[in-house]
Amino acid sequence: MRIGMVTEGGYPYVGGDAGLWCERLVRGLGQHEFDLYALSRSRRQEDAGWVPLPPQVSRVRTAPLWAAEDDGITYGRRARRRFAEYYGELVSALVTAGGGPGDHGEAVGQGRADGEADRFGSALYGLAELARDEGGLVGALCSETAVRALERACRAPGASRVVREARVPDLLAAAGHLRQALSPLAVDWYEDDGLGAVDLCHAAAGGAAALSGLLARHFTGVPLLVTEYGAQLRAHHLATGADGTAPAVRALLAAFHGGVAAEAYRQAALVTHGNAHTRRWQERCGADRTRLRTVHPGMEASGFAEAGESPEAADPGTLVWVGRVEPVKDLVSLLHAFARVRGQEPKARLRIVSTATGPDGAAYLGHCRALAAQLFPDEAEGPHAVGDNPVSFEEVGAPEAPTLAEAYASGAVIVLSSVVEGFPTGLVEAMFCGRATVSTDVGAVVEVIGGTGLVVPPRNPRALAEACVALLRDPERRARLGAAARARALELFTVEQNIAAFHGMYLEIVSHCPVRRVVLGETGEPLPFAAPAEAHVPGSWTGPPARVEARRATGSPAPCPTPMTTTEASG
């Protein structure tokens, strides 16, 4: 099978977002062929280069999201009329959709009417067809025509209150953001020798990657699989709310990204998520529950499991925190909670092991060190002993914590104190080690832990301390919870489980989406999956037999039907 994987700011770039799971998936499916289509976010990311690619990656094509400059292509009169029509329709759909969600910060796309969704999608595909016909789009998106169309839409009857208040600087800013967001429409990926030649398109994220997958489906009929390990629409809302973006601009961008998400969920054969929180966002944006699949992020378990098999490595009185140092991890509450723990367990110790620091991490770490020195003055066992602080600040790779696995294995209890969390990978690593955990109830923590750990409210040092003391005083309970956590993690969160899940979905989608063409290989023989056996099975569900000519990936296949549910298939 030939898979076209589309990424945004991720694999195969070094340090790309969510690049690790993509790499593990590609390397784990050596029996398939992968074409990578990568959208980069910055010049710095491109200059950093790619990670080493396995032999099953046959092609890599890239395009920048950050360099949406004028392409120098001038439209004729007819093309200008087409652009004005499609762009005007698109922004008109945005200003009417931006009222409720744009004003209140809810998920755009929730309750979106079919007619409104068709209007947004038709305008989007119209602009893409114009870009393909004329060989460019960025110049038109930069033009005065685009700004005037946006202004007319914002002043038209029916526009939401917040966009009617847009000033000229707001209109210029919104037009610039839309130009960058629409730049995937102008890339040359959607021909028969590009994404049209694959059996399935896998968008490894929402947003721009999903938009590219939508265009591949529109132009070539390639079935689409969308994977989101985080609610990208939610991340967009948080980012635009934190950077001081004007309310009118924020509403327009929220409407656009919500429209792309809703269209992707509507057109994709399957949509996957990594946790229930992301699934709820997808459902609010109109995703059909019958097409949703849960695929937890896959993680390497062997190193952690081996470290956890040595009971003597764990100090029975030590709490361990491991993670990226930043304010949302709420180490301040953890330190106050540990002060309560020390009041009941004087020999308890706390190890804070950092894996990295966020943008404000250095200042926050300094604040935490000062707080620890204030709460826990250096103590000495006798008049001739050197004082020692029960809280230690360490880094992974230092002599005290050479590896992540050894850091987790050194503690009796692993603590997570975050106030914001997506999928808690550190918690899964602790579970692989067979350690009992105490966590705050944020993000997907409860979904990951199940019944194998203690969960307390966030920003509650008293509850956090009580849970830690309960486990420190009960070694049998710690061992029981640790064993259950390890069994749960090995069942649900390994790389093997992740690869097997996606492999099964690839086969499911392709088997239900026969391509109406024959693609010949180098030997002149038909390639497998280009015309699946299911296409020749008699029955009404296959549709009327189509006459195909043996050729090399030319022409547009028929659109892919929605995959059958279990009930339909068994019938």
Protein backbone atom coordinates (compact mmCIF):
# COMPACT_ATOMS: atom_id res chain seq x y z
CA MET A 1 0.00 0.00 0.00
CA ARG A 2 1.22 3.52 -0.75
CA ILE A 3 0.50 6.08 1.98
CA GLY A 4 0.73 9.83 1.50
CA MET A 5 1.45 11.31 4.96
CA VAL A 6 0.89 15.06 5.31
CA THR A 7 2.44 16.87 8.29
CA GLU A 8 2.55 20.46 9.53
CA GLY A 9 5.71 21.50 11.34
CA GLY A 10 6.45 17.87 12.21
CA TYR A 11 8.02 14.77 10.65
CA PRO A 12 10.52 14.55 8.98
CA TYR A 13 11.94 17.81 10.40
CA VAL A 14 14.30 17.56 13.37
CA GLY A 15 12.42 18.59 16.50
CA GLY A 16 9.10 18.83 14.71
CA ASP A 17 5.83 18.67 16.60
CA ALA A 18 4.52 15.12 17.06
CA GLY A 19 7.37 13.89 14.88
CA LEU A 20 8.20 10.94 17.09
CA TRP A 21 4.93 9.05 16.65
CA CYS A 22 5.02 9.62 12.89
CA GLU A 23 8.56 8.25 12.70
CA ARG A 24 7.65 5.21 14.79
CA LEU A 25 4.61 4.56 12.63
CA VAL A 26 6.55 4.81 9.36
CA ARG A 27 9.38 2.62 10.64
CA GLY A 28 6.94 0.10 12.07
CA LEU A 29 5.08 -0.37 8.77
CA GLY A 30 7.98 -1.45 6.60
CA GLN A 31 5.66 -3.47 4.36
CA HIS A 32 4.10 -0.24 3.02
CA GLU A 33 5.50 2.65 0.99
CA PHE A 34 5.30 6.21 2.31
CA ASP A 35 5.36 9.55 0.52
CA LEU A 36 5.91 12.46 2.94
CA TYR A 37 4.38 15.88 2.29
CA ALA A 38 5.66 18.30 4.91
CA LEU A 39 4.56 21.89 5.57
CA SER A 40 7.31 23.78 7.41
CA ARG A 41 6.65 26.58 9.88
CA SER A 42 9.89 28.57 9.74
CA ARG A 43 13.21 28.98 7.97
CA ARG A 44 14.89 27.78 11.15
CA GLN A 45 12.98 24.52 11.02
CA GLU A 46 13.97 23.93 7.40
CA ASP A 47 17.63 24.75 8.10
CA ALA A 48 17.70 22.19 10.93
CA GLY A 49 17.19 19.43 8.37
CA TRP A 50 15.45 16.05 8.54
CA VAL A 51 15.76 13.03 10.74
CA PRO A 52 17.21 9.91 9.06
CA LEU A 53 14.53 8.33 6.90
CA PRO A 54 13.87 4.59 6.55
CA PRO A 55 13.94 2.93 3.11
CA GLN A 56 10.13 2.70 2.91
CA VAL A 57 10.00 6.50 2.49
CA SER A 58 10.14 6.86 -1.27
CA ARG A 59 9.52 10.60 -1.61
CA VAL A 60 9.61 13.79 0.46
CA ARG A 61 8.05 17.01 -0.78
CA THR A 62 8.01 20.20 1.29
CA ALA A 63 6.32 23.59 1.18
CA PRO A 64 6.68 26.58 3.54
CA LEU A 65 3.75 28.00 5.50
CA TRP A 66 5.84 30.97 6.62
CA ALA A 67 6.83 32.33 3.18
CA ALA A 68 3.47 33.20 1.65
CA GLU A 69 4.91 36.03 -0.46
CA ASP A 70 3.60 37.40 -3.73
CA ASP A 71 4.18 34.75 -6.41
CA GLY A 72 4.31 37.36 -9.18
CA ILE A 73 1.41 35.81 -11.11
CA THR A 74 -1.09 38.36 -12.45
CA TYR A 75 -4.63 37.16 -13.11
CA GLY A 76 -6.57 38.09 -16.21
CA ARG A 77 -10.04 39.57 -16.09
CA ARG A 78 -11.87 36.24 -15.94
CA ALA A 79 -9.56 34.84 -13.24
CA ARG A 80 -9.97 38.03 -11.18
CA ARG A 81 -13.75 37.64 -11.35
CA ARG A 82 -13.46 34.02 -10.23
CA PHE A 83 -11.21 35.00 -7.34
CA ALA A 84 -13.51 37.80 -6.21
CA GLU A 85 -16.48 35.42 -6.32
CA TYR A 86 -14.85 32.56 -4.39
CA TYR A 87 -13.01 34.72 -1.86
CA GLY A 88 -16.08 36.84 -1.26
CA GLU A 89 -18.14 33.71 -0.65
CA LEU A 90 -15.52 32.36 1.73
CA VAL A 91 -15.28 35.46 3.91
CA SER A 92 -19.08 35.85 3.85
CA ALA A 93 -19.32 32.36 5.33
CA LEU A 94 -16.77 33.34 7.97
CA VAL A 95 -18.47 36.51 9.14
CA THR A 96 -21.82 34.76 9.58
CA ALA A 97 -20.24 31.72 11.28
CA GLY A 98 -18.12 33.81 13.63
CA GLY A 99 -20.97 35.19 15.71
CA GLY A 100 -21.52 32.69 18.47
CA PRO A 101 -18.23 30.80 18.64
CA GLY A 102 -16.16 33.81 17.72
CA ASP A 103 -17.72 35.92 20.46
CA HIS A 104 -17.78 33.29 23.17
CA GLY A 105 -14.70 31.20 22.39
CA GLU A 106 -16.59 27.98 21.73
CA ALA A 107 -15.69 25.44 19.10
CA VAL A 108 -16.49 26.84 15.69
CA GLY A 109 -18.36 24.31 13.63
CA GLN A 110 -20.65 23.22 16.46
CA GLY A 111 -24.11 22.97 15.02
CA ARG A 112 -22.97 24.25 11.64
CA ALA A 113 -25.81 23.85 9.15
CA ASP A 114 -25.28 21.68 6.10
CA GLY A 115 -25.92 24.63 3.78
CA GLU A 116 -23.36 26.79 5.56
CA ALA A 117 -20.80 23.99 5.51
CA ASP A 118 -21.40 23.49 1.78
CA ARG A 119 -20.96 27.21 1.23
CA PHE A 120 -17.61 27.28 3.02
CA GLY A 121 -16.41 24.10 1.31
CA SER A 122 -17.48 25.22 -2.16
CA ALA A 123 -15.63 28.52 -1.79
CA LEU A 124 -12.53 26.75 -0.47
CA TYR A 125 -12.44 24.23 -3.32
CA GLY A 126 -13.18 26.98 -5.83
CA LEU A 127 -10.08 28.89 -4.72
CA ALA A 128 -8.03 25.68 -4.94
CA GLU A 129 -9.26 25.02 -8.49
CA LEU A 130 -8.41 28.59 -9.43
CA ALA A 131 -4.89 28.15 -8.05
CA ARG A 132 -4.45 24.95 -10.05
CA ASP A 133 -5.78 26.49 -13.26
CA GLU A 134 -3.82 29.75 -13.04
CA GLY A 135 -0.67 28.48 -11.31
CA GLY A 136 -0.80 30.80 -8.30
CA LEU A 137 -2.96 32.30 -5.57
CA VAL A 138 -0.80 34.19 -3.08
CA GLY A 139 -0.63 37.33 -5.21
CA ALA A 140 -4.43 37.52 -5.36
CA LEU A 141 -4.70 36.93 -1.61
CA CYS A 142 -2.34 39.90 -1.08
CA SER A 143 -4.35 42.18 -3.37
CA GLU A 144 -6.63 45.07 -2.57
CA THR A 145 -9.49 42.98 -3.99
CA ALA A 146 -9.14 40.55 -1.08
CA VAL A 147 -9.17 43.32 1.55
CA ARG A 148 -12.18 45.03 -0.03
CA ALA A 149 -14.07 41.72 -0.19
CA LEU A 150 -13.35 41.15 3.49
CA GLU A 151 -14.50 44.67 4.35
CA ARG A 152 -17.76 44.27 2.42
CA ALA A 153 -18.46 40.98 4.16
CA CYS A 154 -17.84 42.47 7.61
CA ARG A 155 -20.17 45.41 6.90
CA ALA A 156 -22.92 43.32 5.28
CA PRO A 157 -26.24 42.55 7.01
CA GLY A 158 -26.07 39.31 8.97
CA ALA A 159 -22.42 39.68 9.97
CA SER A 160 -21.71 39.06 13.64
CA ARG A 161 -21.42 42.02 15.97
CA VAL A 162 -17.73 41.51 16.71
CA VAL A 163 -16.64 41.50 13.04
CA ARG A 164 -18.81 44.54 12.21
CA GLU A 165 -16.59 46.49 14.61
CA ALA A 166 -13.43 45.62 12.67
CA ARG A 167 -11.26 48.64 11.84
CA VAL A 168 -8.92 49.01 8.85
CA PRO A 169 -5.86 47.64 10.75
CA ASP A 170 -7.99 44.67 11.82
CA LEU A 171 -9.05 43.98 8.22
CA LEU A 172 -5.44 44.13 7.02
CA ALA A 173 -4.30 41.81 9.81
CA ALA A 174 -7.13 39.33 9.13
CA ALA A 175 -6.39 39.34 5.40
CA GLY A 176 -2.72 38.60 6.13
CA HIS A 177 -3.58 35.69 8.42
CA LEU A 178 -6.00 34.26 5.87
CA ARG A 179 -3.36 34.56 3.15
CA GLN A 180 -1.00 32.41 5.18
CA ALA A 181 -3.72 29.94 6.21
CA LEU A 182 -4.81 29.49 2.57
CA SER A 183 -1.29 29.01 1.22
CA PRO A 184 -1.64 25.17 1.08
CA LEU A 185 -4.19 25.70 -1.70
CA ALA A 186 -1.44 26.86 -4.06
CA VAL A 187 1.10 24.03 -3.63
CA ASP A 188 1.59 21.57 -6.49
CA TRP A 189 0.86 18.37 -4.56
CA TYR A 190 -2.59 17.53 -5.84
CA GLU A 191 -1.85 16.07 -9.25
CA ASP A 192 -1.86 12.45 -10.41
CA ASP A 193 1.90 12.19 -9.92
CA GLY A 194 1.61 13.55 -6.35
CA LEU A 195 -1.01 12.73 -3.77
CA GLY A 196 -3.17 11.41 -6.59
CA ALA A 197 -0.81 8.43 -6.90
CA VAL A 198 -1.24 7.19 -3.30
CA ASP A 199 -3.80 4.73 -2.01
CA LEU A 200 -4.58 6.71 1.13
CA CYS A 201 -3.79 10.19 2.47
CA HIS A 202 -3.00 10.38 6.20
CA ALA A 203 -3.11 13.91 7.64
CA ALA A 204 -0.97 13.68 10.78
CA ALA A 205 -2.60 16.78 12.29
CA GLY A 206 -5.56 19.08 11.86
CA GLY A 207 -5.25 22.56 10.40
CA ALA A 208 -3.06 22.99 7.32
CA ALA A 209 -2.25 19.26 7.08
CA ALA A 210 -5.95 18.37 7.08
CA LEU A 211 -6.58 21.10 4.50
CA SER A 212 -4.01 19.53 2.17
CA GLY A 213 -5.67 16.15 2.68
CA LEU A 214 -9.04 17.66 1.82
CA LEU A 215 -7.69 19.02 -1.46
CA ALA A 216 -6.12 15.66 -2.33
CA ARG A 217 -9.50 14.03 -1.78
CA HIS A 218 -11.31 16.71 -3.79
CA PHE A 219 -8.99 16.60 -6.81
CA THR A 220 -8.11 12.90 -6.96
CA GLY A 221 -10.64 11.06 -4.79
CA VAL A 222 -7.95 9.67 -2.47
CA PRO A 223 -9.50 8.59 0.85
CA LEU A 224 -8.51 10.69 3.86
CA LEU A 225 -7.54 9.70 7.41
CA VAL A 226 -7.17 12.57 9.93
CA THR A 227 -5.23 12.11 13.18
CA GLU A 228 -5.26 14.65 16.02
CA TYR A 229 -3.39 13.99 19.25
CA GLY A 230 -4.37 17.41 20.53
CA ALA A 231 -7.36 19.64 19.89
CA GLN A 232 -5.68 21.93 17.38
CA LEU A 233 -8.70 24.21 17.22
CA ARG A 234 -8.51 24.68 21.00
CA ALA A 235 -4.79 25.43 20.73
CA HIS A 236 -5.58 28.08 18.12
CA HIS A 237 -8.17 29.71 20.39
CA LEU A 238 -5.68 29.82 23.27
CA ALA A 239 -2.86 31.18 21.10
CA THR A 240 -4.87 34.02 19.56
CA GLY A 241 -6.37 34.89 22.93
CA ALA A 242 -2.94 35.15 24.58
CA ASP A 243 -1.11 37.21 21.94
CA GLY A 244 -3.36 40.26 22.04
CA THR A 245 -5.07 39.63 18.71
CA ALA A 246 -7.98 42.01 18.10
CA PRO A 247 -11.43 40.47 18.78
CA ALA A 248 -12.59 40.86 15.16
CA VAL A 249 -9.45 39.17 13.82
CA ARG A 250 -9.75 36.45 16.44
CA ALA A 251 -13.37 35.77 15.44
CA LEU A 252 -12.56 35.55 11.73
CA LEU A 253 -9.62 33.21 12.25
CA ALA A 254 -11.61 31.06 14.65
CA ALA A 255 -14.37 30.77 12.06
CA PHE A 256 -11.88 29.80 9.35
CA HIS A 257 -10.07 27.15 11.38
CA GLY A 258 -13.38 25.85 12.66
CA GLY A 259 -14.65 25.61 9.10
CA VAL A 260 -11.58 23.65 7.98
CA ALA A 261 -11.94 21.30 10.95
CA ALA A 262 -15.65 20.71 10.29
CA GLU A 263 -15.02 20.08 6.58
CA ALA A 264 -12.17 17.66 7.36
CA TYR A 265 -14.33 15.72 9.81
CA ARG A 266 -17.15 15.62 7.29
CA GLN A 267 -15.04 14.37 4.37
CA ALA A 268 -12.57 12.06 6.15
CA ALA A 269 -13.15 8.34 5.99
CA LEU A 270 -11.95 8.04 9.60
CA VAL A 271 -10.84 10.53 12.26
CA THR A 272 -8.62 9.45 15.16
CA HIS A 273 -7.86 11.07 18.51
CA GLY A 274 -5.55 10.26 21.39
CA ASN A 275 -7.91 10.90 24.30
CA ALA A 276 -11.50 11.67 25.22
CA HIS A 277 -10.82 15.40 25.57
CA THR A 278 -9.79 15.69 21.93
CA ARG A 279 -12.73 13.49 20.90
CA ARG A 280 -15.19 15.88 22.57
CA TRP A 281 -13.74 18.78 20.58
CA GLN A 282 -14.07 16.78 17.38
CA GLU A 283 -17.70 15.94 18.14
CA ARG A 284 -18.49 19.58 18.91
CA CYS A 285 -17.09 20.50 15.50
CA GLY A 286 -19.45 18.07 13.78
CA ALA A 287 -17.45 14.83 13.58
CA ASP A 288 -19.62 11.75 13.06
CA ARG A 289 -19.18 9.41 16.03
CA THR A 290 -19.27 6.36 13.77
CA ARG A 291 -16.07 7.57 12.06
CA LEU A 292 -14.14 8.37 15.26
CA ARG A 293 -11.45 6.02 16.54
CA THR A 294 -9.32 6.25 19.70
CA VAL A 295 -5.61 5.57 19.11
CA HIS A 296 -3.44 6.35 22.12
CA PRO A 297 0.09 7.65 21.46
CA GLY A 298 2.51 4.74 21.28
CA MET A 299 5.57 4.77 23.54
CA GLU A 300 8.65 2.60 23.92
CA ALA A 301 8.13 0.47 27.02
CA SER A 302 11.19 -1.78 27.24
CA GLY A 303 13.66 0.60 28.93
CA PHE A 304 11.16 1.74 31.55
CA ALA A 305 9.88 -1.77 32.23
CA GLU A 306 13.43 -3.07 32.76
CA ALA A 307 14.29 -0.25 35.17
CA GLY A 308 11.13 -0.91 37.16
CA GLU A 309 11.96 -4.58 37.62
CA SER A 310 14.59 -3.73 40.26
CA PRO A 311 12.72 -3.16 43.55
CA GLU A 312 15.93 -2.16 45.31
CA ALA A 313 16.22 0.90 43.01
CA ALA A 314 13.26 2.59 44.69
CA ASP A 315 13.73 4.61 47.87
CA PRO A 316 10.60 3.93 49.99
CA GLY A 317 10.50 7.50 51.27
CA THR A 318 11.11 9.39 48.00
CA LEU A 319 8.63 11.28 45.84
CA VAL A 320 9.71 11.98 42.24
CA TRP A 321 8.47 14.61 39.81
CA VAL A 322 9.72 14.43 36.21
CA GLY A 323 8.86 16.78 33.36
CA ARG A 324 9.31 20.05 31.55
CA VAL A 325 9.75 22.97 33.95
CA GLU A 326 7.15 25.66 33.28
CA PRO A 327 4.41 27.43 35.29
CA VAL A 328 1.58 25.14 34.13
CA LYS A 329 3.31 22.23 35.93
CA ASP A 330 2.58 24.05 39.22
CA LEU A 331 5.71 23.07 41.10
CA VAL A 332 4.84 25.75 43.66
CA SER A 333 1.80 23.74 44.80
CA LEU A 334 3.94 20.61 44.83
CA LEU A 335 6.49 22.25 47.15
CA HIS A 336 3.76 23.45 49.52
CA ALA A 337 2.24 19.96 49.46
CA PHE A 338 5.63 18.45 50.27
CA ALA A 339 5.92 20.76 53.29
CA ARG A 340 2.75 19.09 54.61
CA VAL A 341 4.16 15.65 53.76
CA ARG A 342 7.32 16.41 55.78
CA GLY A 343 5.18 17.34 58.75
CA GLN A 344 3.84 13.78 58.83
CA GLU A 345 6.79 11.89 57.29
CA PRO A 346 10.00 13.67 58.45
CA LYS A 347 12.28 11.38 56.41
CA ALA A 348 10.48 11.92 53.10
CA ARG A 349 12.42 13.40 50.18
CA LEU A 350 11.37 15.05 46.90
CA ARG A 351 13.34 14.82 43.65
CA ILE A 352 12.40 17.33 40.93
CA VAL A 353 13.95 16.06 37.68
CA SER A 354 13.64 18.37 34.66
CA THR A 355 13.69 17.13 31.08
CA ALA A 356 13.59 20.63 29.56
CA THR A 357 12.52 24.18 30.35
CA GLY A 358 9.76 26.16 28.69
CA PRO A 359 9.99 29.81 27.56
CA ASP A 360 9.61 31.02 31.14
CA GLY A 361 11.23 27.93 32.60
CA ALA A 362 14.51 29.42 33.79
CA ALA A 363 12.86 32.18 35.83
CA TYR A 364 10.24 29.76 37.15
CA LEU A 365 12.90 27.23 38.17
CA GLY A 366 14.79 29.96 40.03
CA HIS A 367 11.60 30.90 41.87
CA CYS A 368 11.00 27.27 42.85
CA ARG A 369 14.57 26.88 44.12
CA ALA A 370 14.16 29.99 46.28
CA LEU A 371 10.83 28.70 47.62
CA ALA A 372 12.35 25.30 48.46
CA ALA A 373 15.22 26.99 50.35
CA GLN A 374 12.67 29.02 52.29
CA LEU A 375 10.33 26.12 53.10
CA PHE A 376 13.08 23.60 53.85
CA PRO A 377 16.21 25.13 55.43
CA ASP A 378 19.19 22.80 55.14
CA GLU A 379 18.93 20.21 57.88
CA ALA A 380 21.71 18.23 59.53
CA GLU A 381 21.42 15.03 61.53
CA GLY A 382 23.95 16.17 64.11
CA PRO A 383 26.20 19.08 65.12
CA HIS A 384 29.10 17.75 63.04
CA ALA A 385 27.12 16.82 59.88
CA VAL A 386 26.64 18.90 56.75
CA GLY A 387 23.15 20.25 56.23
CA ASP A 388 21.01 18.79 53.46
CA ASN A 389 17.83 20.00 51.80
CA PRO A 390 15.11 17.32 51.36
CA VAL A 391 14.24 18.80 47.95
CA SER A 392 16.70 18.27 45.09
CA PHE A 393 16.59 19.87 41.66
CA GLU A 394 18.19 17.69 38.97
CA GLU A 395 18.33 17.25 35.21
CA VAL A 396 18.05 14.12 33.09
CA GLY A 397 21.53 13.13 32.00
CA ALA A 398 23.19 14.28 35.23
CA PRO A 399 24.93 11.67 37.44
CA GLU A 400 21.94 11.61 39.82
CA ALA A 401 19.48 10.85 36.99
CA PRO A 402 21.32 9.41 33.97
CA THR A 403 18.11 8.35 32.19
CA LEU A 404 14.40 8.99 32.46
CA ALA A 405 13.77 5.38 33.37
CA GLU A 406 16.23 5.51 36.28
CA ALA A 407 14.65 8.73 37.54
CA TYR A 408 11.21 7.15 37.67
CA ALA A 409 12.51 3.90 39.15
CA SER A 410 14.25 5.75 42.01
CA GLY A 411 10.99 6.86 43.61
CA ALA A 412 8.35 5.13 45.68
CA VAL A 413 5.65 7.46 44.35
CA ILE A 414 5.61 9.51 41.13
CA VAL A 415 3.79 12.85 41.38
CA LEU A 416 2.15 14.98 38.66
CA SER A 417 0.99 18.41 39.85
CA SER A 418 -0.01 20.14 36.58
CA VAL A 419 -2.91 22.55 36.14
CA VAL A 420 -2.92 22.03 32.36
CA GLU A 421 -2.04 18.77 30.64
CA GLY A 422 -2.80 17.08 27.35
CA PHE A 423 -1.81 13.44 27.13
CA PRO A 424 0.47 12.84 30.16
CA THR A 425 3.33 10.90 28.62
CA GLY A 426 5.35 11.13 31.83
CA LEU A 427 2.59 9.37 33.68
CA VAL A 428 2.63 6.52 31.16
CA GLU A 429 6.41 6.21 31.56
CA ALA A 430 5.97 5.92 35.34
CA MET A 431 3.31 3.27 34.77
CA PHE A 432 5.69 1.28 32.56
CA CYS A 433 8.12 1.34 35.51
CA GLY A 434 5.45 -0.14 37.78
CA ARG A 435 5.33 2.85 40.13
CA ALA A 436 2.32 4.12 42.04
CA THR A 437 1.26 7.63 41.03
CA VAL A 438 -0.48 10.67 42.50
CA SER A 439 -1.82 13.07 39.86
CA THR A 440 -4.00 16.13 39.48
CA ASP A 441 -7.26 15.71 37.59
CA VAL A 442 -6.40 17.57 34.37
CA GLY A 443 -6.39 16.69 30.66
CA ALA A 444 -6.40 12.98 29.93
CA VAL A 445 -4.98 11.96 33.33
CA VAL A 446 -8.03 10.03 34.53
CA GLU A 447 -8.36 8.33 31.14
CA VAL A 448 -4.73 7.21 31.28
CA ILE A 449 -4.63 6.19 34.95
CA GLY A 450 -7.94 4.35 35.06
CA GLY A 451 -8.08 2.91 38.57
CA THR A 452 -4.34 2.39 38.97
CA GLY A 453 -3.39 5.61 40.77
CA LEU A 454 -4.65 8.38 43.05
CA VAL A 455 -6.12 11.52 41.50
CA VAL A 456 -6.68 14.84 43.33
CA PRO A 457 -7.99 18.28 42.30
CA PRO A 458 -5.43 20.71 40.81
CA ARG A 459 -4.07 23.61 42.89
CA ASN A 460 -4.91 21.77 46.11
CA PRO A 461 -1.67 21.17 48.09
CA ARG A 462 -3.54 19.65 51.02
CA ALA A 463 -5.20 16.94 48.92
CA LEU A 464 -1.93 16.27 47.08
CA ALA A 465 -0.10 15.86 50.38
CA GLU A 466 -2.71 13.54 51.88
CA ALA A 467 -2.58 11.24 48.83
CA CYS A 468 1.24 11.11 48.91
CA VAL A 469 1.30 10.32 52.64
CA ALA A 470 -1.29 7.57 52.19
CA LEU A 471 0.93 5.79 49.65
CA LEU A 472 4.19 6.39 51.50
CA ARG A 473 2.71 4.71 54.57
CA ASP A 474 1.28 1.69 52.72
CA PRO A 475 3.96 -0.23 50.75
CA GLU A 476 1.57 -3.07 49.88
CA ARG A 477 -0.87 -0.64 48.30
CA ARG A 478 1.95 1.00 46.38
CA ALA A 479 3.06 -2.34 44.99
CA ARG A 480 -0.50 -3.31 44.06
CA LEU A 481 -1.21 -0.03 42.25
CA GLY A 482 2.18 -0.12 40.53
CA ALA A 483 1.60 -3.62 39.16
CA ALA A 484 -1.87 -2.66 37.92
CA ALA A 485 -0.50 0.52 36.31
CA ARG A 486 2.21 -1.41 34.51
CA ALA A 487 -0.27 -3.97 33.15
CA ARG A 488 -2.59 -1.19 31.93
CA ALA A 489 0.21 0.74 30.23
CA LEU A 490 1.56 -2.35 28.46
CA GLU A 491 -1.92 -3.15 27.19
CA LEU A 492 -2.88 0.30 25.90
CA PHE A 493 0.07 2.63 25.36
CA THR A 494 2.88 0.78 23.57
CA VAL A 495 4.28 1.53 20.13
CA GLU A 496 3.12 -1.89 18.95
CA GLN A 497 -0.49 -1.11 19.87
CA ASN A 498 -0.32 2.22 18.04
CA ILE A 499 1.15 0.70 14.86
CA ALA A 500 -1.33 -2.18 14.83
CA ALA A 501 -4.27 0.23 15.21
CA PHE A 502 -3.22 2.42 12.28
CA HIS A 503 -2.36 -0.59 10.12
CA GLY A 504 -5.85 -1.95 10.68
CA MET A 505 -7.43 1.39 9.77
CA TYR A 506 -5.34 1.68 6.62
CA LEU A 507 -6.63 -1.70 5.47
CA GLU A 508 -10.20 -0.87 6.49
CA ILE A 509 -10.27 2.40 4.56
CA VAL A 510 -8.62 1.10 1.41
CA SER A 511 -10.75 -2.06 1.31
CA HIS A 512 -13.91 0.06 1.37
CA CYS A 513 -12.62 2.65 -1.11
CA PRO A 514 -11.84 0.87 -4.39
CA VAL A 515 -9.97 3.11 -6.82
CA ARG A 516 -11.44 2.99 -10.33
CA ARG A 517 -8.15 2.65 -12.20
CA VAL A 518 -5.27 0.31 -12.79
CA VAL A 519 -1.80 1.55 -11.91
CA LEU A 520 1.11 -0.30 -13.48
CA GLY A 521 4.43 -0.86 -11.78
CA GLU A 522 7.88 -0.87 -13.32
CA THR A 523 7.40 -4.43 -14.55
CA GLY A 524 4.13 -3.57 -16.26
CA GLU A 525 2.05 -5.52 -13.74
CA PRO A 526 -0.84 -3.91 -11.82
CA LEU A 527 0.19 -2.63 -8.40
CA PRO A 528 -1.66 -4.07 -5.39
CA PHE A 529 -4.33 -1.90 -3.76
CA ALA A 530 -4.59 0.31 -6.84
CA ALA A 531 -7.61 -1.81 -7.82
CA PRO A 532 -8.55 -3.82 -4.70
CA ALA A 533 -10.21 -7.21 -5.03
CA GLU A 534 -13.34 -5.79 -3.39
CA ALA A 535 -13.95 -3.70 -6.49
CA HIS A 536 -14.70 -6.88 -8.44
CA VAL A 537 -16.98 -8.57 -5.88
CA PRO A 538 -20.54 -8.80 -7.26
CA GLY A 539 -23.14 -6.92 -5.27
CA SER A 540 -25.02 -3.64 -5.20
CA TRP A 541 -22.67 -2.04 -2.68
CA THR A 542 -19.82 -1.98 -5.18
CA GLY A 543 -21.76 0.11 -7.65
CA PRO A 544 -21.92 -0.57 -11.38
CA PRO A 545 -18.75 -2.08 -12.82
CA ALA A 546 -16.45 0.56 -14.22
CA ARG A 547 -14.36 0.05 -17.32
CA VAL A 548 -10.76 1.02 -16.65
CA GLU A 549 -7.72 1.28 -18.84
CA ALA A 550 -4.28 0.16 -17.76
CA ARG A 551 -2.30 3.36 -17.31
CA ARG A 552 0.12 5.00 -14.95
CA ALA A 553 -1.80 6.96 -12.33
CA THR A 554 -3.64 9.33 -14.67
CA GLY A 555 -7.15 10.63 -14.40
CA SER A 556 -9.25 11.17 -11.28
CA PRO A 557 -10.79 8.17 -9.54
CA ALA A 558 -14.31 8.13 -8.21
CA PRO A 559 -14.89 9.66 -4.77
CA CYS A 560 -14.41 7.33 -1.82
CA PRO A 561 -17.60 6.25 -0.07
CA THR A 562 -17.91 6.29 3.69
CA PRO A 563 -16.47 3.11 5.22
CA MET A 564 -19.17 0.65 6.23
CA THR A 565 -19.86 0.13 9.89
CA THR A 566 -19.69 -3.34 11.43
CA THR A 567 -23.43 -3.68 11.14
CA GLU A 568 -23.49 -2.77 7.48
CA ALA A 569 -20.56 -5.06 6.68
CA SER A 570 -22.13 -8.04 8.40
CA GLY A 571 -25.35 -7.50 6.48
